[in-house]
Protein backbone atom coordinates (compact mmCIF):
# COMPACT_ATOMS: atom_id res chain seq x y z
CA MET A 1 0.00 0.00 0.00
CA LYS A 2 2.79 2.41 0.95
CA ASN A 3 4.62 1.78 -2.34
CA THR A 4 1.40 2.28 -4.30
CA ILE A 5 0.73 5.65 -2.66
CA ILE A 6 4.30 6.88 -3.11
CA SER A 7 4.21 5.76 -6.75
CA LEU A 8 0.91 7.58 -7.25
CA LEU A 9 2.27 10.81 -5.75
CA LEU A 10 5.42 10.62 -7.88
CA ALA A 11 3.40 9.89 -11.03
CA MET A 12 1.13 12.85 -10.35
CA ALA A 13 4.16 15.10 -9.85
CA GLY A 14 5.64 13.80 -13.13
CA VAL A 15 2.43 14.45 -15.02
CA ALA A 16 2.28 17.95 -13.56
CA ALA A 17 5.84 18.64 -14.66
CA GLN A 18 5.08 17.44 -18.21
CA ALA A 19 1.83 19.43 -18.36
CA GLN A 20 3.62 22.69 -17.59
CA VAL A 21 1.97 25.62 -19.34
CA GLY A 22 3.66 28.44 -17.48
CA ASP A 23 6.11 29.37 -14.84
CA TRP A 24 7.66 27.09 -12.30
CA SER A 25 9.63 27.76 -9.14
CA VAL A 26 11.69 25.97 -6.53
CA GLY A 27 11.53 26.85 -2.86
CA ALA A 28 13.19 26.06 0.46
CA GLN A 29 11.24 26.39 3.68
CA MET A 30 11.19 26.08 7.44
CA ASN A 31 8.24 24.13 8.86
CA PHE A 32 6.49 23.65 12.17
CA GLY A 33 4.12 20.75 12.90
CA SER A 34 1.80 21.31 15.86
CA LYS A 35 1.04 17.70 16.89
CA ASN A 36 4.40 17.08 18.56
CA SER A 37 5.78 20.66 18.31
CA MET A 38 8.25 19.52 15.64
CA ALA A 39 10.42 21.88 13.58
CA GLY A 40 11.53 20.85 10.12
CA ILE A 41 12.91 21.86 6.76
CA GLY A 42 11.36 21.33 3.37
CA ALA A 43 11.55 21.83 -0.35
CA GLN A 44 8.70 22.63 -2.72
CA VAL A 45 8.37 22.85 -6.50
CA GLN A 46 5.49 24.88 -7.91
CA VAL A 47 4.41 24.22 -11.50
CA GLU A 48 1.73 26.28 -13.24
CA ILE A 49 -0.59 23.88 -15.09
CA ALA A 50 -3.29 26.40 -16.04
CA GLN A 51 -3.82 30.12 -15.58
CA HIS A 52 -3.78 30.77 -11.80
CA LEU A 53 -3.62 27.02 -11.03
CA ARG A 54 -0.45 25.25 -10.00
CA VAL A 55 0.58 21.98 -8.41
CA ALA A 56 3.18 21.92 -5.67
CA PRO A 57 4.96 18.65 -4.86
CA GLU A 58 6.72 19.03 -1.51
CA PHE A 59 9.00 17.13 0.87
CA ILE A 60 9.29 17.99 4.58
CA TYR A 61 11.77 16.47 7.03
CA TYR A 62 11.01 17.06 10.72
CA PHE A 63 13.85 17.01 13.23
CA LYS A 64 13.63 14.35 15.94
CA ASP A 65 11.69 15.57 18.96
CA ASN A 66 10.56 13.62 22.02
CA GLY A 67 11.69 10.41 20.33
CA VAL A 68 9.59 11.01 17.18
CA LYS A 69 11.04 11.33 13.66
CA ASP A 70 8.82 12.28 10.75
CA TYR A 71 8.85 13.09 7.08
CA ASN A 72 6.02 14.09 4.74
CA VAL A 73 5.53 13.89 0.99
CA ASN A 74 2.77 16.22 -0.22
CA LEU A 75 1.12 16.98 -3.52
CA ASN A 76 -0.97 20.13 -3.27
CA ALA A 77 -2.98 22.23 -5.69
CA GLN A 78 -2.82 26.01 -5.30
CA TYR A 79 -5.16 28.53 -6.95
CA VAL A 80 -3.37 31.90 -7.08
CA ILE A 81 -5.52 34.99 -6.45
CA GLY A 82 -4.12 38.50 -6.89
CA THR A 83 -4.86 40.92 -4.05
CA GLY A 84 -4.52 44.16 -5.99
CA ALA A 85 -1.36 45.04 -4.06
CA PRO A 86 1.74 44.85 -6.29
CA GLY A 87 3.45 41.45 -5.98
CA LEU A 88 1.11 40.14 -3.27
CA ASN A 89 -0.94 36.97 -3.94
CA VAL A 90 -2.97 34.58 -1.80
CA TYR A 91 -3.89 30.99 -2.60
CA PRO A 92 -6.02 28.24 -1.12
CA ILE A 93 -4.28 24.87 -0.74
CA ALA A 94 -5.82 21.40 -1.14
CA GLY A 95 -3.97 18.15 -1.65
CA LEU A 96 -2.74 14.75 -0.59
CA THR A 97 -0.17 13.87 2.04
CA TYR A 98 1.84 10.79 2.95
CA ALA A 99 3.49 10.84 6.38
CA HIS A 100 6.05 8.40 7.79
CA PHE A 101 6.61 8.38 11.54
CA SER A 102 9.20 6.60 13.63
CA GLU A 103 9.01 6.69 17.42
CA ASP A 104 11.64 5.58 19.92
CA ALA A 105 10.20 4.79 23.33
CA LEU A 106 11.39 3.10 26.51
CA TYR A 107 9.67 -0.13 25.49
CA GLY A 108 11.08 -0.15 21.93
CA SER A 109 10.45 1.57 18.67
CA ASP A 110 7.42 1.84 16.46
CA THR A 111 6.96 2.95 12.86
CA PHE A 112 3.73 3.92 11.18
CA ASN A 113 2.60 5.52 7.92
CA ARG A 114 -0.45 7.63 7.23
CA VAL A 115 -2.15 8.91 4.08
CA GLY A 116 -4.37 11.94 4.34
CA ALA A 117 -5.30 15.34 3.04
CA ASN A 118 -4.04 18.93 3.27
CA VAL A 119 -6.35 21.95 3.41
CA GLY A 120 -5.15 25.49 4.00
CA CYS A 121 -4.00 28.75 2.49
CA GLY A 122 -0.85 30.61 1.57
CA VAL A 123 0.41 34.08 0.80
CA GLU A 124 3.37 35.08 -1.37
CA TYR A 125 5.21 38.30 -2.05
CA ASN A 126 7.02 38.59 -5.38
CA ILE A 127 9.88 41.09 -5.27
CA SER A 128 9.46 43.51 -8.19
CA GLY A 129 11.97 42.88 -11.00
CA SER A 130 13.40 39.82 -9.25
CA PRO A 131 12.79 36.06 -9.59
CA ILE A 132 12.82 35.82 -5.76
CA SER A 133 9.60 35.47 -3.74
CA PHE A 134 8.81 34.93 -0.09
CA TYR A 135 5.89 32.79 1.02
CA ALA A 136 4.05 31.59 4.10
CA GLU A 137 1.55 28.75 4.30
CA GLU A 138 -0.77 27.41 6.95
CA ARG A 139 -2.65 24.15 6.51
CA VAL A 140 -4.37 21.41 8.40
CA GLN A 141 -2.88 18.00 7.69
CA ILE A 142 -5.69 15.51 8.19
CA LEU A 143 -4.32 12.08 9.15
CA LYS A 144 -5.69 9.20 11.21
CA ASP A 145 -4.48 9.68 14.82
CA TRP A 146 -2.15 12.54 13.79
CA THR A 147 -4.15 15.53 12.47
CA GLN A 148 -2.08 18.65 12.93
CA SER A 149 -1.49 22.21 11.82
CA VAL A 150 1.55 22.74 9.57
CA THR A 151 3.13 26.18 9.18
CA ALA A 152 5.72 26.94 6.49
CA PHE A 153 7.87 30.03 5.81
CA GLY A 154 9.98 29.97 2.67
CA ILE A 155 11.83 31.61 -0.14
CA LYS A 156 11.55 30.55 -3.77
CA TYR A 157 13.20 31.20 -7.09
CA LYS A 158 11.00 31.51 -10.19
CA PHE A 159 12.30 30.17 -13.51
């Protein structure tokens, strides 16, 4: 099951990359997951597949905290909405997530995987005349026994 889901996420990201109709960007981010107060780092690729619509495959690695290690693979859709302010956009986020957890406890270790959904929103500021943008995202990651809020702050480069 795990291999099937990972293969599906990778295939969807590959299709999105081939279906590119516009700009694409690569970003690096800092993350915070609320469930276990875990900080992490991540990378995101945004590919425009239609006007105002982009897909954003993402990988997040959370640093070990209280014996728990975690990484997430996400595939989100983002619909970009201009705010009227120069360079400032907002976007709702909806997508799929795969999370892998590993927990070290006094009685031994345990590993579990979850598949779920992401729902949230983001804001980005494009620096005028530059391919550099800053972004912030907030989403709810809906997983069995591990629903949490995920916050991301990042910088991206637009190609």
